[in-house]
Amino acid sequence: MSRKCQLTGKKANNAYAVSHSHRRTKRLQHANLQEKRVWWPQGKRWVKLRLSTKAIKTLQKKGLSAMAREAGIDLNKC
């Protein structure tokens, strides 16, 4: 499974690691992903998703069904 948020699509960002002598080497800034079980009221079951912490905060505000609809995810398959 790729390191990507299932609801928002957040993924790694290209960046530089800058040393004390200011030499730059490429590195990745990964998204803060968490494996999360979320209650889905319409399906009356738990759904296991890999979410970024930002998505978890948004999920509490919008709700699981609305965010899944925006992301184009079928929760019956999760």
PDB file of N, CA and C in Angstrom:
ATOM      1  N   MET A   1       0.844  -1.177   0.000  1.00  0.00           N
ATOM      2  CA  MET A   1       0.000   0.000   0.000  1.00  0.00           C
ATOM      3  C   MET A   1       0.894   1.247   0.000  1.00  0.00           C
ATOM      4  N   SER A   2       0.538   2.197  -0.832  1.00  0.00           N
ATOM      5  CA  SER A   2       1.361   3.403  -0.910  1.00  0.00           C
ATOM      6  C   SER A   2       1.142   4.302   0.303  1.00  0.00           C
ATOM      7  N   ARG A   3       2.113   5.174   0.536  1.00  0.00           N
ATOM      8  CA  ARG A   3       2.008   6.105   1.663  1.00  0.00           C
ATOM      9  C   ARG A   3       1.187   7.299   1.211  1.00  0.00           C
ATOM     10  N   LYS A   4      -0.120   7.117   1.193  1.00  0.00           N
ATOM     11  CA  LYS A   4      -1.038   8.134   0.690  1.00  0.00           C
ATOM     12  C   LYS A   4      -2.320   8.081   1.504  1.00  0.00           C
ATOM     13  N   CYS A   5      -2.841   9.255   1.852  1.00  0.00           N
ATOM     14  CA  CYS A   5      -4.096   9.332   2.599  1.00  0.00           C
ATOM     15  C   CYS A   5      -5.241   8.896   1.685  1.00  0.00           C
ATOM     16  N   GLN A   6      -6.101   8.022   2.171  1.00  0.00           N
ATOM     17  CA  GLN A   6      -7.177   7.497   1.344  1.00  0.00           C
ATOM     18  C   GLN A   6      -8.293   8.514   1.105  1.00  0.00           C
ATOM     19  N   LEU A   7      -8.459   9.474   1.985  1.00  0.00           N
ATOM     20  CA  LEU A   7      -9.541  10.443   1.813  1.00  0.00           C
ATOM     21  C   LEU A   7      -9.089  11.749   1.167  1.00  0.00           C
ATOM     22  N   THR A   8      -7.923  12.272   1.552  1.00  0.00           N
ATOM     23  CA  THR A   8      -7.485  13.560   1.010  1.00  0.00           C
ATOM     24  C   THR A   8      -6.472  13.426  -0.116  1.00  0.00           C
ATOM     25  N   GLY A   9      -5.820  12.268  -0.225  1.00  0.00           N
ATOM     26  CA  GLY A   9      -4.824  12.076  -1.278  1.00  0.00           C
ATOM     27  C   GLY A   9      -3.458  12.666  -0.955  1.00  0.00           C
ATOM     28  N   LYS A  10      -3.251  13.082   0.302  1.00  0.00           N
ATOM     29  CA  LYS A  10      -1.941  13.626   0.688  1.00  0.00           C
ATOM     30  C   LYS A  10      -0.878  12.551   0.546  1.00  0.00           C
ATOM     31  N   LYS A  11       0.317  12.966   0.056  1.00  0.00           N
ATOM     32  CA  LYS A  11       1.428  12.034  -0.104  1.00  0.00           C
ATOM     33  C   LYS A  11       2.733  12.756   0.167  1.00  0.00           C
ATOM     34  N   ALA A  12       3.856  12.082  -0.062  1.00  0.00           N
ATOM     35  CA  ALA A  12       5.171  12.636   0.263  1.00  0.00           C
ATOM     36  C   ALA A  12       5.488  13.851  -0.615  1.00  0.00           C
ATOM     37  N   ASN A  13       6.283  14.763  -0.041  1.00  0.00           N
ATOM     38  CA  ASN A  13       6.696  15.985  -0.719  1.00  0.00           C
ATOM     39  C   ASN A  13       8.214  15.941  -0.904  1.00  0.00           C
ATOM     40  N   ASN A  14       8.715  16.338  -2.084  1.00  0.00           N
ATOM     41  CA  ASN A  14      10.154  16.386  -2.325  1.00  0.00           C
ATOM     42  C   ASN A  14      10.742  17.599  -1.623  1.00  0.00           C
ATOM     43  N   ALA A  15      11.913  17.391  -0.994  1.00  0.00           N
ATOM     44  CA  ALA A  15      12.558  18.477  -0.260  1.00  0.00           C
ATOM     45  C   ALA A  15      14.062  18.215  -0.226  1.00  0.00           C
ATOM     46  N   TYR A  16      14.781  19.122   0.396  1.00  0.00           N
ATOM     47  CA  TYR A  16      16.217  18.979   0.577  1.00  0.00           C
ATOM     48  C   TYR A  16      16.539  18.864   2.064  1.00  0.00           C
ATOM     49  N   ALA A  17      17.502  18.003   2.384  1.00  0.00           N
ATOM     50  CA  ALA A  17      18.090  17.970   3.710  1.00  0.00           C
ATOM     51  C   ALA A  17      19.316  18.869   3.631  1.00  0.00           C
ATOM     52  N   VAL A  18      19.344  19.944   4.411  1.00  0.00           N
ATOM     53  CA  VAL A  18      20.435  20.913   4.348  1.00  0.00           C
ATOM     54  C   VAL A  18      21.340  20.717   5.558  1.00  0.00           C
ATOM     55  N   SER A  19      22.623  20.439   5.296  1.00  0.00           N
ATOM     56  CA  SER A  19      23.586  20.208   6.363  1.00  0.00           C
ATOM     57  C   SER A  19      24.094  21.543   6.915  1.00  0.00           C
ATOM     58  N   HIS A  20      24.966  21.439   7.926  1.00  0.00           N
ATOM     59  CA  HIS A  20      25.548  22.641   8.523  1.00  0.00           C
ATOM     60  C   HIS A  20      26.393  23.413   7.504  1.00  0.00           C
ATOM     61  N   SER A  21      27.072  22.674   6.619  1.00  0.00           N
ATOM     62  CA  SER A  21      27.883  23.325   5.587  1.00  0.00           C
ATOM     63  C   SER A  21      27.043  23.742   4.380  1.00  0.00           C
ATOM     64  N   HIS A  22      25.753  23.585   4.487  1.00  0.00           N
ATOM     65  CA  HIS A  22      24.756  23.971   3.485  1.00  0.00           C
ATOM     66  C   HIS A  22      24.781  23.086   2.239  1.00  0.00           C
ATOM     67  N   ARG A  23      25.311  21.864   2.370  1.00  0.00           N
ATOM     68  CA  ARG A  23      25.198  20.902   1.279  1.00  0.00           C
ATOM     69  C   ARG A  23      23.772  20.380   1.279  1.00  0.00           C
ATOM     70  N   ARG A  24      23.198  20.235   0.090  1.00  0.00           N
ATOM     71  CA  ARG A  24      21.797  19.809  -0.013  1.00  0.00           C
ATOM     72  C   ARG A  24      21.698  18.430  -0.649  1.00  0.00           C
ATOM     73  N   THR A  25      20.987  17.539   0.024  1.00  0.00           N
ATOM     74  CA  THR A  25      20.694  16.220  -0.522  1.00  0.00           C
ATOM     75  C   THR A  25      19.190  16.029  -0.530  1.00  0.00           C
ATOM     76  N   LYS A  26      18.704  15.316  -1.533  1.00  0.00           N
ATOM     77  CA  LYS A  26      17.250  15.148  -1.663  1.00  0.00           C
ATOM     78  C   LYS A  26      16.714  14.205  -0.596  1.00  0.00           C
ATOM     79  N   ARG A  27      15.527  14.518  -0.129  1.00  0.00           N
ATOM     80  CA  ARG A  27      14.841  13.683   0.848  1.00  0.00           C
ATOM     81  C   ARG A  27      13.337  13.813   0.630  1.00  0.00           C
ATOM     82  N   LEU A  28      12.563  13.008   1.325  1.00  0.00           N
ATOM     83  CA  LEU A  28      11.106  13.061   1.234  1.00  0.00           C
ATOM     84  C   LEU A  28      10.514  13.491   2.568  1.00  0.00           C
ATOM     85  N   GLN A  29       9.518  14.347   2.501  1.00  0.00           N
ATOM     86  CA  GLN A  29       8.731  14.715   3.688  1.00  0.00           C
ATOM     87  C   GLN A  29       7.427  13.940   3.589  1.00  0.00           C
ATOM     88  N   HIS A  30       7.318  12.877   4.389  1.00  0.00           N
ATOM     89  CA  HIS A  30       6.136  12.020   4.324  1.00  0.00           C
ATOM     90  C   HIS A  30       4.963  12.639   5.077  1.00  0.00           C
ATOM     91  N   ALA A  31       3.761  12.324   4.620  1.00  0.00           N
ATOM     92  CA  ALA A  31       2.550  12.752   5.314  1.00  0.00           C
ATOM     93  C   ALA A  31       2.438  11.973   6.629  1.00  0.00           C
ATOM     94  N   ASN A  32       1.822  12.585   7.627  1.00  0.00           N
ATOM     95  CA  ASN A  32       1.641  11.939   8.926  1.00  0.00           C
ATOM     96  C   ASN A  32       0.419  11.021   8.840  1.00  0.00           C
ATOM     97  N   LEU A  33       0.650   9.774   8.438  1.00  0.00           N
ATOM     98  CA  LEU A  33      -0.438   8.823   8.219  1.00  0.00           C
ATOM     99  C   LEU A  33      -0.659   7.940   9.434  1.00  0.00           C
ATOM    100  N   GLN A  34      -1.924   7.668   9.716  1.00  0.00           N
ATOM    101  CA  GLN A  34      -2.325   6.832  10.842  1.00  0.00           C
ATOM    102  C   GLN A  34      -3.315   5.783  10.337  1.00  0.00           C
ATOM    103  N   GLU A  35      -3.182   4.553  10.835  1.00  0.00           N
ATOM    104  CA  GLU A  35      -4.161   3.509  10.552  1.00  0.00           C
ATOM    105  C   GLU A  35      -5.319   3.727  11.529  1.00  0.00           C
ATOM    106  N   LYS A  36      -6.524   3.956  11.022  1.00  0.00           N
ATOM    107  CA  LYS A  36      -7.634   4.378  11.881  1.00  0.00           C
ATOM    108  C   LYS A  36      -8.889   3.569  11.569  1.00  0.00           C
ATOM    109  N   ARG A  37      -9.527   3.099  12.614  1.00  0.00           N
ATOM    110  CA  ARG A  37     -10.838   2.463  12.461  1.00  0.00           C
ATOM    111  C   ARG A  37     -11.902   3.521  12.720  1.00  0.00           C
ATOM    112  N   VAL A  38     -12.799   3.718  11.769  1.00  0.00           N
ATOM    113  CA  VAL A  38     -13.819   4.754  11.865  1.00  0.00           C
ATOM    114  C   VAL A  38     -15.194   4.091  11.792  1.00  0.00           C
ATOM    115  N   TRP A  39     -16.093   4.501  12.663  1.00  0.00           N
ATOM    116  CA  TRP A  39     -17.460   3.973  12.645  1.00  0.00           C
ATOM    117  C   TRP A  39     -18.226   4.596  11.493  1.00  0.00           C
ATOM    118  N   TRP A  40     -18.838   3.751  10.653  1.00  0.00           N
ATOM    119  CA  TRP A  40     -19.647   4.200   9.518  1.00  0.00           C
ATOM    120  C   TRP A  40     -21.107   3.927   9.849  1.00  0.00           C
ATOM    121  N   PRO A  41     -21.868   4.981  10.222  1.00  0.00           N
ATOM    122  CA  PRO A  41     -23.248   4.770  10.691  1.00  0.00           C
ATOM    123  C   PRO A  41     -24.183   4.189   9.631  1.00  0.00           C
ATOM    124  N   GLN A  42     -24.055   4.604   8.364  1.00  0.00           N
ATOM    125  CA  GLN A  42     -24.951   4.107   7.319  1.00  0.00           C
ATOM    126  C   GLN A  42     -24.734   2.610   7.055  1.00  0.00           C
ATOM    127  N   GLY A  43     -23.490   2.170   7.124  1.00  0.00           N
ATOM    128  CA  GLY A  43     -23.178   0.756   6.913  1.00  0.00           C
ATOM    129  C   GLY A  43     -23.260  -0.049   8.193  1.00  0.00           C
ATOM    130  N   LYS A  44     -23.389   0.627   9.337  1.00  0.00           N
ATOM    131  CA  LYS A  44     -23.460   0.012  10.659  1.00  0.00           C
ATOM    132  C   LYS A  44     -22.279  -0.917  10.923  1.00  0.00           C
ATOM    133  N   ARG A  45     -21.061  -0.418  10.606  1.00  0.00           N
ATOM    134  CA  ARG A  45     -19.865  -1.212  10.842  1.00  0.00           C
ATOM    135  C   ARG A  45     -18.642  -0.310  10.912  1.00  0.00           C
ATOM    136  N   TRP A  46     -17.525  -0.885  11.347  1.00  0.00           N
ATOM    137  CA  TRP A  46     -16.253  -0.185  11.395  1.00  0.00           C
ATOM    138  C   TRP A  46     -15.584  -0.278  10.037  1.00  0.00           C
ATOM    139  N   VAL A  47     -14.913   0.800   9.630  1.00  0.00           N
ATOM    140  CA  VAL A  47     -14.157   0.839   8.387  1.00  0.00           C
ATOM    141  C   VAL A  47     -12.725   1.192   8.737  1.00  0.00           C
ATOM    142  N   LYS A  48     -11.762   0.406   8.233  1.00  0.00           N
ATOM    143  CA  LYS A  48     -10.355   0.646   8.521  1.00  0.00           C
ATOM    144  C   LYS A  48      -9.746   1.453   7.373  1.00  0.00           C
ATOM    145  N   LEU A  49      -9.217   2.640   7.690  1.00  0.00           N
ATOM    146  CA  LEU A  49      -8.661   3.528   6.682  1.00  0.00           C
ATOM    147  C   LEU A  49      -7.275   3.998   7.085  1.00  0.00           C
ATOM    148  N   ARG A  50      -6.474   4.367   6.099  1.00  0.00           N
ATOM    149  CA  ARG A  50      -5.159   4.965   6.347  1.00  0.00           C
ATOM    150  C   ARG A  50      -5.301   6.458   6.071  1.00  0.00           C
ATOM    151  N   LEU A  51      -5.302   7.265   7.151  1.00  0.00           N
ATOM    152  CA  LEU A  51      -5.631   8.683   7.054  1.00  0.00           C
ATOM    153  C   LEU A  51      -4.505   9.559   7.564  1.00  0.00           C
ATOM    154  N   SER A  52      -4.416  10.759   7.001  1.00  0.00           N
ATOM    155  CA  SER A  52      -3.511  11.759   7.552  1.00  0.00           C
ATOM    156  C   SER A  52      -4.188  12.376   8.772  1.00  0.00           C
ATOM    157  N   THR A  53      -3.399  12.971   9.654  1.00  0.00           N
ATOM    158  CA  THR A  53      -3.967  13.558  10.862  1.00  0.00           C
ATOM    159  C   THR A  53      -4.885  14.730  10.514  1.00  0.00           C
ATOM    160  N   LYS A  54      -4.576  15.457   9.451  1.00  0.00           N
ATOM    161  CA  LYS A  54      -5.443  16.544   8.992  1.00  0.00           C
ATOM    162  C   LYS A  54      -6.803  15.982   8.559  1.00  0.00           C
ATOM    163  N   ALA A  55      -6.793  14.824   7.891  1.00  0.00           N
ATOM    164  CA  ALA A  55      -8.043  14.202   7.442  1.00  0.00           C
ATOM    165  C   ALA A  55      -8.882  13.736   8.624  1.00  0.00           C
ATOM    166  N   ILE A  56      -8.228  13.292   9.701  1.00  0.00           N
ATOM    167  CA  ILE A  56      -8.958  12.849  10.892  1.00  0.00           C
ATOM    168  C   ILE A  56      -9.702  14.022  11.517  1.00  0.00           C
ATOM    169  N   LYS A  57      -9.042  15.196  11.560  1.00  0.00           N
ATOM    170  CA  LYS A  57      -9.700  16.385  12.108  1.00  0.00           C
ATOM    171  C   LYS A  57     -10.872  16.819  11.226  1.00  0.00           C
ATOM    172  N   THR A  58     -10.694  16.769   9.908  1.00  0.00           N
ATOM    173  CA  THR A  58     -11.747  17.154   8.976  1.00  0.00           C
ATOM    174  C   THR A  58     -12.892  16.156   9.036  1.00  0.00           C
ATOM    175  N   LEU A  59     -12.559  14.885   9.261  1.00  0.00           N
ATOM    176  CA  LEU A  59     -13.553  13.821   9.341  1.00  0.00           C
ATOM    177  C   LEU A  59     -14.538  14.066  10.478  1.00  0.00           C
ATOM    178  N   GLN A  60     -14.044  14.584  11.598  1.00  0.00           N
ATOM    179  CA  GLN A  60     -14.911  14.876  12.739  1.00  0.00           C
ATOM    180  C   GLN A  60     -15.885  16.002  12.420  1.00  0.00           C
ATOM    181  N   LYS A  61     -15.494  16.905  11.520  1.00  0.00           N
ATOM    182  CA  LYS A  61     -16.350  18.040  11.168  1.00  0.00           C
ATOM    183  C   LYS A  61     -17.359  17.672  10.073  1.00  0.00           C
ATOM    184  N   LYS A  62     -16.873  17.047   8.981  1.00  0.00           N
ATOM    185  CA  LYS A  62     -17.711  16.772   7.816  1.00  0.00           C
ATOM    186  C   LYS A  62     -18.488  15.464   7.909  1.00  0.00           C
ATOM    187  N   GLY A  63     -17.845  14.437   8.451  1.00  0.00           N
ATOM    188  CA  GLY A  63     -18.453  13.112   8.485  1.00  0.00           C
ATOM    189  C   GLY A  63     -17.827  12.202   7.442  1.00  0.00           C
ATOM    190  N   LEU A  64     -17.891  10.900   7.701  1.00  0.00           N
ATOM    191  CA  LEU A  64     -17.229   9.914   6.854  1.00  0.00           C
ATOM    192  C   LEU A  64     -17.872   9.810   5.477  1.00  0.00           C
ATOM    193  N   SER A  65     -19.182   9.781   5.407  1.00  0.00           N
ATOM    194  CA  SER A  65     -19.866   9.604   4.123  1.00  0.00           C
ATOM    195  C   SER A  65     -19.591  10.758   3.169  1.00  0.00           C
ATOM    196  N   ALA A  66     -19.601  11.986   3.677  1.00  0.00           N
ATOM    197  CA  ALA A  66     -19.364  13.159   2.832  1.00  0.00           C
ATOM    198  C   ALA A  66     -17.938  13.171   2.289  1.00  0.00           C
ATOM    199  N   MET A  67     -16.965  12.857   3.139  1.00  0.00           N
ATOM    200  CA  MET A  67     -15.565  12.850   2.690  1.00  0.00           C
ATOM    201  C   MET A  67     -15.296  11.715   1.704  1.00  0.00           C
ATOM    202  N   ALA A  68     -15.900  10.554   1.917  1.00  0.00           N
ATOM    203  CA  ALA A  68     -15.712   9.434   1.002  1.00  0.00           C
ATOM    204  C   ALA A  68     -16.328   9.742  -0.358  1.00  0.00           C
ATOM    205  N   ARG A  69     -17.464  10.437  -0.358  1.00  0.00           N
ATOM    206  CA  ARG A  69     -18.111  10.829  -1.612  1.00  0.00           C
ATOM    207  C   ARG A  69     -17.218  11.784  -2.399  1.00  0.00           C
ATOM    208  N   GLU A  70     -16.603  12.758  -1.706  1.00  0.00           N
ATOM    209  CA  GLU A  70     -15.688  13.708  -2.358  1.00  0.00           C
ATOM    210  C   GLU A  70     -14.457  13.014  -2.919  1.00  0.00           C
ATOM    211  N   ALA A  71     -13.943  12.003  -2.189  1.00  0.00           N
ATOM    212  CA  ALA A  71     -12.733  11.287  -2.611  1.00  0.00           C
ATOM    213  C   ALA A  71     -13.043  10.208  -3.651  1.00  0.00           C
ATOM    214  N   GLY A  72     -14.315   9.876  -3.814  1.00  0.00           N
ATOM    215  CA  GLY A  72     -14.706   8.843  -4.771  1.00  0.00           C
ATOM    216  C   GLY A  72     -14.412   7.432  -4.288  1.00  0.00           C
ATOM    217  N   ILE A  73     -14.563   7.215  -2.964  1.00  0.00           N
ATOM    218  CA  ILE A  73     -14.283   5.904  -2.372  1.00  0.00           C
ATOM    219  C   ILE A  73     -15.593   5.188  -2.076  1.00  0.00           C
ATOM    220  N   ASP A  74     -15.616   3.890  -2.413  1.00  0.00           N
ATOM    221  CA  ASP A  74     -16.756   3.043  -2.071  1.00  0.00           C
ATOM    222  C   ASP A  74     -16.468   2.387  -0.728  1.00  0.00           C
ATOM    223  N   LEU A  75     -17.175   2.804   0.309  1.00  0.00           N
ATOM    224  CA  LEU A  75     -16.918   2.306   1.668  1.00  0.00           C
ATOM    225  C   LEU A  75     -17.321   0.858   1.847  1.00  0.00           C
ATOM    226  N   ASN A  76     -18.147   0.313   0.960  1.00  0.00           N
ATOM    227  CA  ASN A  76     -18.533  -1.099   1.069  1.00  0.00           C
ATOM    228  C   ASN A  76     -17.337  -2.012   0.806  1.00  0.00           C
ATOM    229  N   LYS A  77     -16.345  -1.535   0.059  1.00  0.00           N
ATOM    230  CA  LYS A  77     -15.163  -2.341  -0.265  1.00  0.00           C
ATOM    231  C   LYS A  77     -14.047  -2.186   0.733  1.00  0.00           C
ATOM    232  N   CYS A  78     -14.132  -1.217   1.649  1.00  0.00           N
ATOM    233  CA  CYS A  78     -13.067  -0.982   2.631  1.00  0.00           C
ATOM    234  C   CYS A  78     -13.194  -1.894   3.823  1.00  0.00           C
TER     235      CYS A  78
END
